[in-house]
Amino acid sequence: MSVLICGSLAFDTITNFHGRFAQQIMPDKVHMLNVSFLVPTLRREYGGCAGNIAYTLHLLGGEPLVKGAIGNDGGDYMARLKGWGVDTSLVLNAQETYTAQCMIITDEDNNQITAFHPGAMMLAHTTRVPVERKDITLAIVAPDGREAMLGHCQQLADAKIPFIFDPGQNLPLFDGAELQRFTEQATWVAVNDYEGAMLTERIGTTIEALSRQPNLKGVIVTLGAEGCEVWVNGTRTHVPGVAAEAVVDPTGCGDAFRGALLHGLSQGWSLERCVALGNKVGALKIAQRGGQNHAIPADLIAAA
C-alpha cells in the first residue's frame, strides 16, 4: 500500500544565532525593522515537507510515494530518494528553475526566522494526483505551491482517497472560504497550536467545533514538548510529549511527526496511538540536525 505525500522538496540552509531574537528586536520598532544576526554555523541539508515526511515514513517501513517538484539543481535529491527505494515517478523535474530553497536562522530558544524561495514548487500543480492508481489508499497534502494544494485536495476528495490536510507555514496563503473548503474535503486536519489558532480564526470556528464536522475523523494539534491534542467529534484527548535526549534543531520535527502519523494510520491504529508514535519520533528528530538525519531504533520500529 502506497502513501501519497504531496508537498515541497527543498534544500534547507540552516544557521544558528548564538543569542535570542527577543534581545535584538525592539517591539516598538518593528515598523522600521533593520536587524542583522551573526550566524557562525551554516549547513545545507535535504528538506522540504514531502521529503522529510517520506524519510520518516520510509524508516518506519512504510511505502511513501512522493509527489513534488525539483529544479535543475535537484539531481542529488532525486538520487537520494531513489536510493531509499522510493517511487519517484510523480516527482516533476523542472529544468527551467531551481529547487525550492529554505533559509533558516534558529536562536538559542529554538525560535526560527525563515526565508523561502519556492522555485520549482510553484510548478507542482502542473501534475495531477494519479487517481487511477489503486495502490494509493492514504495521502497527505503538506505545504506546497498554492495552486498545487488547492488542486491536490480537490483531486483526492473527488477520488475519495482519505487524506490529511496539513497547511503548515502556507496557511496564510488562503482565505477563510478556501480553508473551510479544505477542512470539508479532508479526512484529518493536522496543525500546530499557532496554526490551529489562525485556521479557526479565519474560518470563524473553534477546534472543538471543527472536529465535529462529519467528514473529519480527527483534528491533531501539536504542542511541541507538551505533546499533542487529539480532537475527535468534539472530545479532546491530550497525548503527553516525550522528553528529548537533546534539543539540537527543531527543523523538520513536525514533518517527522507526520511521517509517524501516516504510518500509524496506514496500519489502522487509533489516532491516539498514531500521535504517541509521532511524539516519540519527534523527540528523536529534535536531537539531530536537519530534517533527514535522525535514526529510529530497531525496537521502536518493531513496536510500530
C-alpha atoms as a PDB file:
ATOM      1  CA  MET A   1       0.000   0.000   0.000  1.00  0.00           C
ATOM      2  CA  SER A   2       1.415   3.362  -1.029  1.00  0.00           C
ATOM      3  CA  VAL A   3       1.030   6.565   0.967  1.00  0.00           C
ATOM      4  CA  LEU A   4       0.900   9.590  -1.327  1.00  0.00           C
ATOM      5  CA  ILE A   5       2.856  12.556   0.036  1.00  0.00           C
ATOM      6  CA  CYS A   6       2.067  15.813  -1.758  1.00  0.00           C
ATOM      7  CA  GLY A   7       4.370  18.632  -0.714  1.00  0.00           C
ATOM      8  CA  SER A   8       7.595  20.505  -1.164  1.00  0.00           C
ATOM      9  CA  LEU A   9      11.055  19.196  -1.927  1.00  0.00           C
ATOM     10  CA  ALA A  10      13.668  21.726  -0.909  1.00  0.00           C
ATOM     11  CA  PHE A  11      17.208  22.396   0.168  1.00  0.00           C
ATOM     12  CA  ASP A  12      17.488  23.828   3.685  1.00  0.00           C
ATOM     13  CA  THR A  13      20.275  26.256   4.540  1.00  0.00           C
ATOM     14  CA  ILE A  14      20.301  26.126   8.334  1.00  0.00           C
ATOM     15  CA  THR A  15      22.164  28.583  10.538  1.00  0.00           C
ATOM     16  CA  ASN A  16      22.325  29.181  14.281  1.00  0.00           C
ATOM     17  CA  PHE A  17      22.270  32.525  16.061  1.00  0.00           C
ATOM     18  CA  HIS A  18      24.024  32.323  19.424  1.00  0.00           C
ATOM     19  CA  GLY A  19      21.603  34.656  21.136  1.00  0.00           C
ATOM     20  CA  ARG A  20      17.888  35.387  21.370  1.00  0.00           C
ATOM     21  CA  PHE A  21      15.853  37.185  18.747  1.00  0.00           C
ATOM     22  CA  ALA A  22      13.928  38.908  21.534  1.00  0.00           C
ATOM     23  CA  GLN A  23      17.138  40.619  22.651  1.00  0.00           C
ATOM     24  CA  GLN A  24      17.777  42.013  19.169  1.00  0.00           C
ATOM     25  CA  ILE A  25      14.306  43.028  18.019  1.00  0.00           C
ATOM     26  CA  MET A  26      12.709  46.086  19.626  1.00  0.00           C
ATOM     27  CA  PRO A  27       8.928  45.548  19.697  1.00  0.00           C
ATOM     28  CA  ASP A  28       8.158  49.258  19.319  1.00  0.00           C
ATOM     29  CA  LYS A  29      10.377  49.491  16.226  1.00  0.00           C
ATOM     30  CA  VAL A  30       9.094  46.578  14.137  1.00  0.00           C
ATOM     31  CA  HIS A  31       7.578  49.045  11.657  1.00  0.00           C
ATOM     32  CA  MET A  32      11.142  50.051  10.737  1.00  0.00           C
ATOM     33  CA  LEU A  33      12.906  46.750  11.319  1.00  0.00           C
ATOM     34  CA  ASN A  34      16.587  46.590  10.323  1.00  0.00           C
ATOM     35  CA  VAL A  35      18.472  43.796  12.073  1.00  0.00           C
ATOM     36  CA  SER A  36      21.407  41.540  11.338  1.00  0.00           C
ATOM     37  CA  PHE A  37      22.283  38.247  13.033  1.00  0.00           C
ATOM     38  CA  LEU A  38      25.782  36.762  13.190  1.00  0.00           C
ATOM     39  CA  VAL A  39      25.403  33.060  12.344  1.00  0.00           C
ATOM     40  CA  PRO A  40      28.750  31.279  12.816  1.00  0.00           C
ATOM     41  CA  THR A  41      27.400  27.860  11.762  1.00  0.00           C
ATOM     42  CA  LEU A  42      25.894  27.022   8.383  1.00  0.00           C
ATOM     43  CA  ARG A  43      24.754  23.721   6.896  1.00  0.00           C
ATOM     44  CA  ARG A  44      22.938  22.716   3.735  1.00  0.00           C
ATOM     45  CA  GLU A  45      20.501  19.868   4.229  1.00  0.00           C
ATOM     46  CA  TYR A  46      17.934  17.967   2.202  1.00  0.00           C
ATOM     47  CA  GLY A  47      14.496  19.163   3.231  1.00  0.00           C
ATOM     48  CA  GLY A  48      11.034  20.187   2.172  1.00  0.00           C
ATOM     49  CA  CYS A  49       7.913  18.831   3.826  1.00  0.00           C
ATOM     50  CA  ALA A  50       7.358  15.961   1.379  1.00  0.00           C
ATOM     51  CA  GLY A  51      10.973  14.837   1.533  1.00  0.00           C
ATOM     52  CA  ASN A  52      11.100  14.987   5.322  1.00  0.00           C
ATOM     53  CA  ILE A  53       7.793  13.167   5.796  1.00  0.00           C
ATOM     54  CA  ALA A  54       8.815  10.480   3.308  1.00  0.00           C
ATOM     55  CA  TYR A  55      12.132   9.993   5.121  1.00  0.00           C
ATOM     56  CA  THR A  56      10.477   9.123   8.442  1.00  0.00           C
ATOM     57  CA  LEU A  57       7.743   7.020   6.847  1.00  0.00           C
ATOM     58  CA  HIS A  58      10.430   5.064   4.966  1.00  0.00           C
ATOM     59  CA  LEU A  59      12.412   4.485   8.183  1.00  0.00           C
ATOM     60  CA  LEU A  60       9.296   3.033   9.796  1.00  0.00           C
ATOM     61  CA  GLY A  61       8.840   0.594   6.933  1.00  0.00           C
ATOM     62  CA  GLY A  62       6.140   2.438   5.021  1.00  0.00           C
ATOM     63  CA  GLU A  63       5.901   2.948   1.274  1.00  0.00           C
ATOM     64  CA  PRO A  64       5.978   6.691   0.560  1.00  0.00           C
ATOM     65  CA  LEU A  65       5.022   7.895  -2.903  1.00  0.00           C
ATOM     66  CA  VAL A  66       6.381  11.426  -3.235  1.00  0.00           C
ATOM     67  CA  LYS A  67       4.579  13.974  -5.374  1.00  0.00           C
ATOM     68  CA  GLY A  68       6.571  17.182  -5.636  1.00  0.00           C
ATOM     69  CA  ALA A  69       8.881  19.172  -7.871  1.00  0.00           C
ATOM     70  CA  ILE A  70      12.626  19.701  -8.099  1.00  0.00           C
ATOM     71  CA  GLY A  71      14.628  22.090 -10.250  1.00  0.00           C
ATOM     72  CA  ASN A  72      17.753  21.901 -12.369  1.00  0.00           C
ATOM     73  CA  ASP A  73      19.921  21.580  -9.244  1.00  0.00           C
ATOM     74  CA  GLY A  74      17.943  18.650  -7.838  1.00  0.00           C
ATOM     75  CA  GLY A  75      19.788  15.674  -9.311  1.00  0.00           C
ATOM     76  CA  ASP A  76      21.346  14.701  -5.991  1.00  0.00           C
ATOM     77  CA  TYR A  77      17.989  14.899  -4.257  1.00  0.00           C
ATOM     78  CA  MET A  78      16.368  12.649  -6.863  1.00  0.00           C
ATOM     79  CA  ALA A  79      19.220  10.155  -6.457  1.00  0.00           C
ATOM     80  CA  ARG A  80      18.748  10.280  -2.688  1.00  0.00           C
ATOM     81  CA  LEU A  81      15.059   9.424  -2.945  1.00  0.00           C
ATOM     82  CA  LYS A  82      15.759   6.605  -5.371  1.00  0.00           C
ATOM     83  CA  GLY A  83      18.437   5.353  -3.003  1.00  0.00           C
ATOM     84  CA  TRP A  84      15.765   4.757  -0.371  1.00  0.00           C
ATOM     85  CA  GLY A  85      13.803   2.761  -2.912  1.00  0.00           C
ATOM     86  CA  VAL A  86      11.097   5.446  -3.068  1.00  0.00           C
ATOM     87  CA  ASP A  87       8.860   5.638  -6.138  1.00  0.00           C
ATOM     88  CA  THR A  88       9.819   8.976  -7.769  1.00  0.00           C
ATOM     89  CA  SER A  89       7.582   8.681 -10.828  1.00  0.00           C
ATOM     90  CA  LEU A  90       5.469  11.604  -9.583  1.00  0.00           C
ATOM     91  CA  VAL A  91       8.386  13.986  -8.973  1.00  0.00           C
ATOM     92  CA  LEU A  92       8.350  16.778 -11.561  1.00  0.00           C
ATOM     93  CA  ASN A  93      11.801  17.756 -12.836  1.00  0.00           C
ATOM     94  CA  ALA A  94      11.526  21.446 -13.806  1.00  0.00           C
ATOM     95  CA  GLN A  95      14.729  22.311 -15.631  1.00  0.00           C
ATOM     96  CA  GLU A  96      13.873  25.986 -16.062  1.00  0.00           C
ATOM     97  CA  THR A  97      14.152  26.828 -12.360  1.00  0.00           C
ATOM     98  CA  TYR A  98      15.923  25.962  -9.112  1.00  0.00           C
ATOM     99  CA  THR A  99      14.709  23.545  -6.462  1.00  0.00           C
ATOM    100  CA  ALA A 100      12.930  25.330  -3.623  1.00  0.00           C
ATOM    101  CA  GLN A 101      15.337  26.829  -1.098  1.00  0.00           C
ATOM    102  CA  CYS A 102      14.653  27.407   2.595  1.00  0.00           C
ATOM    103  CA  MET A 103      16.966  29.627   4.646  1.00  0.00           C
ATOM    104  CA  ILE A 104      16.511  29.224   8.405  1.00  0.00           C
ATOM    105  CA  ILE A 105      18.007  31.075  11.387  1.00  0.00           C
ATOM    106  CA  THR A 106      17.460  29.394  14.760  1.00  0.00           C
ATOM    107  CA  ASP A 107      18.147  31.196  18.056  1.00  0.00           C
ATOM    108  CA  GLU A 108      19.036  29.749  21.463  1.00  0.00           C
ATOM    109  CA  ASP A 109      15.346  29.387  22.384  1.00  0.00           C
ATOM    110  CA  ASN A 110      14.694  27.402  19.179  1.00  0.00           C
ATOM    111  CA  ASN A 111      12.715  30.268  17.699  1.00  0.00           C
ATOM    112  CA  GLN A 112      13.172  30.425  13.937  1.00  0.00           C
ATOM    113  CA  ILE A 113      13.189  33.069  11.217  1.00  0.00           C
ATOM    114  CA  THR A 114      12.775  31.582   7.756  1.00  0.00           C
ATOM    115  CA  ALA A 115      13.048  32.890   4.209  1.00  0.00           C
ATOM    116  CA  PHE A 116      11.710  30.653   1.470  1.00  0.00           C
ATOM    117  CA  HIS A 117      12.247  30.718  -2.298  1.00  0.00           C
ATOM    118  CA  PRO A 118       9.620  28.429  -3.879  1.00  0.00           C
ATOM    119  CA  GLY A 119      11.384  27.739  -7.198  1.00  0.00           C
ATOM    120  CA  ALA A 120      10.138  24.522  -8.817  1.00  0.00           C
ATOM    121  CA  MET A 121       7.488  24.125  -6.125  1.00  0.00           C
ATOM    122  CA  MET A 122       5.389  26.726  -7.943  1.00  0.00           C
ATOM    123  CA  LEU A 123       5.005  24.259 -10.826  1.00  0.00           C
ATOM    124  CA  ALA A 124       3.819  21.348  -8.673  1.00  0.00           C
ATOM    125  CA  HIS A 125       0.209  21.934  -9.724  1.00  0.00           C
ATOM    126  CA  THR A 126       1.010  21.042 -13.345  1.00  0.00           C
ATOM    127  CA  THR A 127       0.864  17.333 -12.485  1.00  0.00           C
ATOM    128  CA  ARG A 128      -2.253  15.720 -11.055  1.00  0.00           C
ATOM    129  CA  VAL A 129      -2.884  13.147  -8.364  1.00  0.00           C
ATOM    130  CA  PRO A 130      -2.822   9.745 -10.161  1.00  0.00           C
ATOM    131  CA  VAL A 131      -6.282   8.697  -9.030  1.00  0.00           C
ATOM    132  CA  GLU A 132      -6.171   5.699 -11.363  1.00  0.00           C
ATOM    133  CA  ARG A 133      -3.549   4.046  -9.141  1.00  0.00           C
ATOM    134  CA  LYS A 134      -5.371   1.604  -6.890  1.00  0.00           C
ATOM    135  CA  ASP A 135      -2.389   1.169  -4.567  1.00  0.00           C
ATOM    136  CA  ILE A 136      -2.856   4.679  -3.098  1.00  0.00           C
ATOM    137  CA  THR A 137      -5.125   4.331  -0.089  1.00  0.00           C
ATOM    138  CA  LEU A 138      -3.900   7.217   2.077  1.00  0.00           C
ATOM    139  CA  ALA A 139      -2.410  10.651   1.412  1.00  0.00           C
ATOM    140  CA  ILE A 140      -1.287  13.939   2.918  1.00  0.00           C
ATOM    141  CA  VAL A 141      -1.375  17.404   1.393  1.00  0.00           C
ATOM    142  CA  ALA A 142       1.508  19.219   3.064  1.00  0.00           C
ATOM    143  CA  PRO A 143       2.847  22.742   2.352  1.00  0.00           C
ATOM    144  CA  ASP A 144       3.427  23.131  -1.386  1.00  0.00           C
ATOM    145  CA  GLY A 145       2.622  25.641  -4.112  1.00  0.00           C
ATOM    146  CA  ARG A 146      -0.720  27.370  -3.520  1.00  0.00           C
ATOM    147  CA  GLU A 147      -2.315  26.060  -6.722  1.00  0.00           C
ATOM    148  CA  ALA A 148      -0.936  22.576  -6.044  1.00  0.00           C
ATOM    149  CA  MET A 149      -2.545  22.442  -2.600  1.00  0.00           C
ATOM    150  CA  LEU A 150      -5.889  23.606  -3.961  1.00  0.00           C
ATOM    151  CA  GLY A 151      -5.771  21.120  -6.828  1.00  0.00           C
ATOM    152  CA  HIS A 152      -4.469  18.126  -4.911  1.00  0.00           C
ATOM    153  CA  CYS A 153      -7.054  18.427  -2.138  1.00  0.00           C
ATOM    154  CA  GLN A 154      -9.845  18.610  -4.701  1.00  0.00           C
ATOM    155  CA  GLN A 155      -8.478  15.657  -6.680  1.00  0.00           C
ATOM    156  CA  LEU A 156      -8.100  13.489  -3.574  1.00  0.00           C
ATOM    157  CA  ALA A 157     -11.583  14.377  -2.367  1.00  0.00           C
ATOM    158  CA  ASP A 158     -13.088  13.608  -5.779  1.00  0.00           C
ATOM    159  CA  ALA A 159     -11.316  10.225  -5.784  1.00  0.00           C
ATOM    160  CA  LYS A 160     -12.464   9.559  -2.192  1.00  0.00           C
ATOM    161  CA  ILE A 161      -8.883   8.913  -1.063  1.00  0.00           C
ATOM    162  CA  PRO A 162      -8.620   9.701   2.675  1.00  0.00           C
ATOM    163  CA  PHE A 163      -6.022  12.377   3.377  1.00  0.00           C
ATOM    164  CA  ILE A 164      -4.530  14.655   5.990  1.00  0.00           C
ATOM    165  CA  PHE A 165      -4.727  18.391   5.330  1.00  0.00           C
ATOM    166  CA  ASP A 166      -1.533  19.927   6.735  1.00  0.00           C
ATOM    167  CA  PRO A 167      -1.387  23.635   5.810  1.00  0.00           C
ATOM    168  CA  GLY A 168       1.718  24.383   7.883  1.00  0.00           C
ATOM    169  CA  GLN A 169       3.533  27.592   7.093  1.00  0.00           C
ATOM    170  CA  ASN A 170       1.432  28.041   3.945  1.00  0.00           C
ATOM    171  CA  LEU A 171      -1.779  28.618   5.876  1.00  0.00           C
ATOM    172  CA  PRO A 172      -1.615  32.436   5.400  1.00  0.00           C
ATOM    173  CA  LEU A 173      -1.826  31.921   1.606  1.00  0.00           C
ATOM    174  CA  PHE A 174      -5.510  31.001   1.856  1.00  0.00           C
ATOM    175  CA  ASP A 175      -8.601  32.949   2.828  1.00  0.00           C
ATOM    176  CA  GLY A 176     -11.354  31.716   5.119  1.00  0.00           C
ATOM    177  CA  ALA A 177     -13.514  30.253   2.360  1.00  0.00           C
ATOM    178  CA  GLU A 178     -10.603  28.281   0.909  1.00  0.00           C
ATOM    179  CA  LEU A 179      -9.573  26.980   4.320  1.00  0.00           C
ATOM    180  CA  GLN A 180     -13.146  25.952   5.073  1.00  0.00           C
ATOM    181  CA  ARG A 181     -13.272  24.023   1.795  1.00  0.00           C
ATOM    182  CA  PHE A 182     -10.008  22.243   2.653  1.00  0.00           C
ATOM    183  CA  THR A 183     -11.400  21.116   6.014  1.00  0.00           C
ATOM    184  CA  GLU A 184     -14.561  19.848   4.301  1.00  0.00           C
ATOM    185  CA  GLN A 185     -12.527  17.813   1.799  1.00  0.00           C
ATOM    186  CA  ALA A 186     -10.022  16.289   4.228  1.00  0.00           C
ATOM    187  CA  THR A 187     -10.312  13.259   6.484  1.00  0.00           C
ATOM    188  CA  TRP A 188      -7.951  14.634   9.151  1.00  0.00           C
ATOM    189  CA  VAL A 189      -6.508  18.081   9.842  1.00  0.00           C
ATOM    190  CA  ALA A 190      -3.034  18.424  11.389  1.00  0.00           C
ATOM    191  CA  VAL A 191      -1.729  21.765  12.703  1.00  0.00           C
ATOM    192  CA  ASN A 192       0.453  23.122  15.479  1.00  0.00           C
ATOM    193  CA  ASP A 193      -1.162  25.290  18.148  1.00  0.00           C
ATOM    194  CA  TYR A 194      -0.319  28.574  16.379  1.00  0.00           C
ATOM    195  CA  GLU A 195      -1.624  27.311  13.036  1.00  0.00           C
ATOM    196  CA  GLY A 196      -4.722  25.961  14.743  1.00  0.00           C
ATOM    197  CA  ALA A 197      -5.496  29.385  16.199  1.00  0.00           C
ATOM    198  CA  MET A 198      -5.020  31.050  12.808  1.00  0.00           C
ATOM    199  CA  LEU A 199      -7.075  28.414  10.993  1.00  0.00           C
ATOM    200  CA  THR A 200     -10.046  28.653  13.335  1.00  0.00           C
ATOM    201  CA  GLU A 201      -9.911  32.466  13.402  1.00  0.00           C
ATOM    202  CA  ARG A 202     -10.012  32.639   9.598  1.00  0.00           C
ATOM    203  CA  ILE A 203     -12.955  30.278   9.225  1.00  0.00           C
ATOM    204  CA  GLY A 204     -14.783  31.567  12.296  1.00  0.00           C
ATOM    205  CA  THR A 205     -14.925  28.428  14.419  1.00  0.00           C
ATOM    206  CA  THR A 206     -13.157  26.575  17.220  1.00  0.00           C
ATOM    207  CA  ILE A 207     -11.052  23.424  17.196  1.00  0.00           C
ATOM    208  CA  GLU A 208     -13.830  21.654  19.108  1.00  0.00           C
ATOM    209  CA  ALA A 209     -16.459  22.655  16.551  1.00  0.00           C
ATOM    210  CA  LEU A 210     -14.135  21.874  13.647  1.00  0.00           C
ATOM    211  CA  SER A 211     -13.629  18.345  14.951  1.00  0.00           C
ATOM    212  CA  ARG A 212     -17.405  17.824  14.828  1.00  0.00           C
ATOM    213  CA  GLN A 213     -17.521  18.204  11.055  1.00  0.00           C
ATOM    214  CA  PRO A 214     -18.980  14.899   9.831  1.00  0.00           C
ATOM    215  CA  ASN A 215     -16.229  14.317   7.251  1.00  0.00           C
ATOM    216  CA  LEU A 216     -13.387  14.648   9.755  1.00  0.00           C
ATOM    217  CA  LYS A 217     -12.139  11.651  11.698  1.00  0.00           C
ATOM    218  CA  GLY A 218      -9.915  13.854  13.822  1.00  0.00           C
ATOM    219  CA  VAL A 219      -8.059  17.137  14.299  1.00  0.00           C
ATOM    220  CA  ILE A 220      -4.480  16.897  15.558  1.00  0.00           C
ATOM    221  CA  VAL A 221      -2.904  19.904  17.290  1.00  0.00           C
ATOM    222  CA  THR A 222       0.786  19.556  18.143  1.00  0.00           C
ATOM    223  CA  LEU A 223       2.097  21.402  21.197  1.00  0.00           C
ATOM    224  CA  GLY A 224       5.862  20.957  20.888  1.00  0.00           C
ATOM    225  CA  ALA A 225       7.411  19.493  24.032  1.00  0.00           C
ATOM    226  CA  GLU A 226       3.970  19.402  25.686  1.00  0.00           C
ATOM    227  CA  GLY A 227       2.800  16.677  23.321  1.00  0.00           C
ATOM    228  CA  CYS A 228      -0.349  16.777  21.272  1.00  0.00           C
ATOM    229  CA  GLU A 229      -4.107  17.287  21.424  1.00  0.00           C
ATOM    230  CA  VAL A 230      -6.341  14.852  19.568  1.00  0.00           C
ATOM    231  CA  TRP A 231      -9.854  16.118  18.896  1.00  0.00           C
ATOM    232  CA  VAL A 232     -12.474  13.628  17.731  1.00  0.00           C
ATOM    233  CA  ASN A 233     -16.121  14.659  17.423  1.00  0.00           C
ATOM    234  CA  GLY A 234     -15.717  17.452  19.957  1.00  0.00           C
ATOM    235  CA  THR A 235     -13.787  15.408  22.525  1.00  0.00           C
ATOM    236  CA  ARG A 236     -10.217  16.375  23.402  1.00  0.00           C
ATOM    237  CA  THR A 237      -7.547  13.847  24.388  1.00  0.00           C
ATOM    238  CA  HIS A 238      -4.098  15.034  25.449  1.00  0.00           C
ATOM    239  CA  VAL A 239      -1.214  12.748  24.499  1.00  0.00           C
ATOM    240  CA  PRO A 240       1.860  13.713  26.570  1.00  0.00           C
ATOM    241  CA  GLY A 241       5.123  14.699  24.946  1.00  0.00           C
ATOM    242  CA  VAL A 242       8.326  12.680  25.082  1.00  0.00           C
ATOM    243  CA  ALA A 243      11.448  14.218  26.580  1.00  0.00           C
ATOM    244  CA  ALA A 244      14.269  14.527  24.052  1.00  0.00           C
ATOM    245  CA  GLU A 245      17.802  13.481  24.947  1.00  0.00           C
ATOM    246  CA  ALA A 246      18.978  16.792  23.496  1.00  0.00           C
ATOM    247  CA  VAL A 247      17.369  19.813  21.877  1.00  0.00           C
ATOM    248  CA  VAL A 248      19.588  20.476  18.870  1.00  0.00           C
ATOM    249  CA  ASP A 249      17.476  21.556  15.904  1.00  0.00           C
ATOM    250  CA  PRO A 250      13.664  21.817  15.592  1.00  0.00           C
ATOM    251  CA  THR A 251      13.786  21.902  11.782  1.00  0.00           C
ATOM    252  CA  GLY A 252      11.604  19.093  10.429  1.00  0.00           C
ATOM    253  CA  CYS A 253      10.159  17.947  13.766  1.00  0.00           C
ATOM    254  CA  GLY A 254       6.607  18.462  12.563  1.00  0.00           C
ATOM    255  CA  ASP A 255       7.376  16.521   9.396  1.00  0.00           C
ATOM    256  CA  ALA A 256       8.862  13.628  11.375  1.00  0.00           C
ATOM    257  CA  PHE A 257       5.701  13.596  13.491  1.00  0.00           C
ATOM    258  CA  ARG A 258       3.555  13.476  10.361  1.00  0.00           C
ATOM    259  CA  GLY A 259       5.582  10.621   8.892  1.00  0.00           C
ATOM    260  CA  ALA A 260       4.853   8.598  12.025  1.00  0.00           C
ATOM    261  CA  LEU A 261       1.209   9.680  11.971  1.00  0.00           C
ATOM    262  CA  LEU A 262       0.837   8.411   8.411  1.00  0.00           C
ATOM    263  CA  HIS A 263       2.497   5.127   9.325  1.00  0.00           C
ATOM    264  CA  GLY A 264       0.054   4.538  12.150  1.00  0.00           C
ATOM    265  CA  LEU A 265      -2.965   5.482  10.056  1.00  0.00           C
ATOM    266  CA  SER A 266      -1.823   3.124   7.303  1.00  0.00           C
ATOM    267  CA  GLN A 267      -1.764   0.336   9.913  1.00  0.00           C
ATOM    268  CA  GLY A 268      -5.293   1.087  11.092  1.00  0.00           C
ATOM    269  CA  TRP A 269      -4.231   2.330  14.530  1.00  0.00           C
ATOM    270  CA  SER A 270      -6.265   4.596  16.775  1.00  0.00           C
ATOM    271  CA  LEU A 271      -5.431   8.269  16.398  1.00  0.00           C
ATOM    272  CA  GLU A 272      -4.051   8.400  19.949  1.00  0.00           C
ATOM    273  CA  ARG A 273      -1.612   5.572  19.205  1.00  0.00           C
ATOM    274  CA  CYS A 274      -0.531   7.250  15.968  1.00  0.00           C
ATOM    275  CA  VAL A 275       0.135  10.500  17.813  1.00  0.00           C
ATOM    276  CA  ALA A 276       2.055   8.762  20.599  1.00  0.00           C
ATOM    277  CA  LEU A 277       4.431   7.333  18.000  1.00  0.00           C
ATOM    278  CA  GLY A 278       4.688  10.772  16.409  1.00  0.00           C
ATOM    279  CA  ASN A 279       5.720  12.288  19.733  1.00  0.00           C
ATOM    280  CA  LYS A 280       8.450   9.670  20.153  1.00  0.00           C
ATOM    281  CA  VAL A 281       9.811  10.205  16.637  1.00  0.00           C
ATOM    282  CA  GLY A 282       9.675  13.996  17.036  1.00  0.00           C
ATOM    283  CA  ALA A 283      11.822  13.708  20.170  1.00  0.00           C
ATOM    284  CA  LEU A 284      14.366  11.658  18.210  1.00  0.00           C
ATOM    285  CA  LYS A 285      14.405  14.184  15.375  1.00  0.00           C
ATOM    286  CA  ILE A 286      14.962  17.277  17.521  1.00  0.00           C
ATOM    287  CA  ALA A 287      18.159  15.715  18.875  1.00  0.00           C
ATOM    288  CA  GLN A 288      19.643  15.677  15.350  1.00  0.00           C
ATOM    289  CA  ARG A 289      20.435  18.460  12.908  1.00  0.00           C
ATOM    290  CA  GLY A 290      18.450  18.730   9.693  1.00  0.00           C
ATOM    291  CA  GLY A 291      15.170  17.130   8.701  1.00  0.00           C
ATOM    292  CA  GLN A 292      16.531  13.847   7.326  1.00  0.00           C
ATOM    293  CA  ASN A 293      19.387  12.737   9.575  1.00  0.00           C
ATOM    294  CA  HIS A 294      17.633  11.089  12.533  1.00  0.00           C
ATOM    295  CA  ALA A 295      17.560   7.357  13.058  1.00  0.00           C
ATOM    296  CA  ILE A 296      14.775   5.285  14.610  1.00  0.00           C
ATOM    297  CA  PRO A 297      15.845   2.464  16.976  1.00  0.00           C
ATOM    298  CA  ALA A 298      15.041  -1.065  15.890  1.00  0.00           C
ATOM    299  CA  ASP A 299      12.879  -1.708  18.966  1.00  0.00           C
ATOM    300  CA  LEU A 300      10.698   1.286  18.171  1.00  0.00           C
ATOM    301  CA  ILE A 301      10.342   0.174  14.569  1.00  0.00           C
ATOM    302  CA  ALA A 302       9.437  -3.339  15.717  1.00  0.00           C
ATOM    303  CA  ALA A 303       6.813  -1.955  18.113  1.00  0.00           C
ATOM    304  CA  ALA A 304       5.395   0.117  15.253  1.00  0.00           C
END
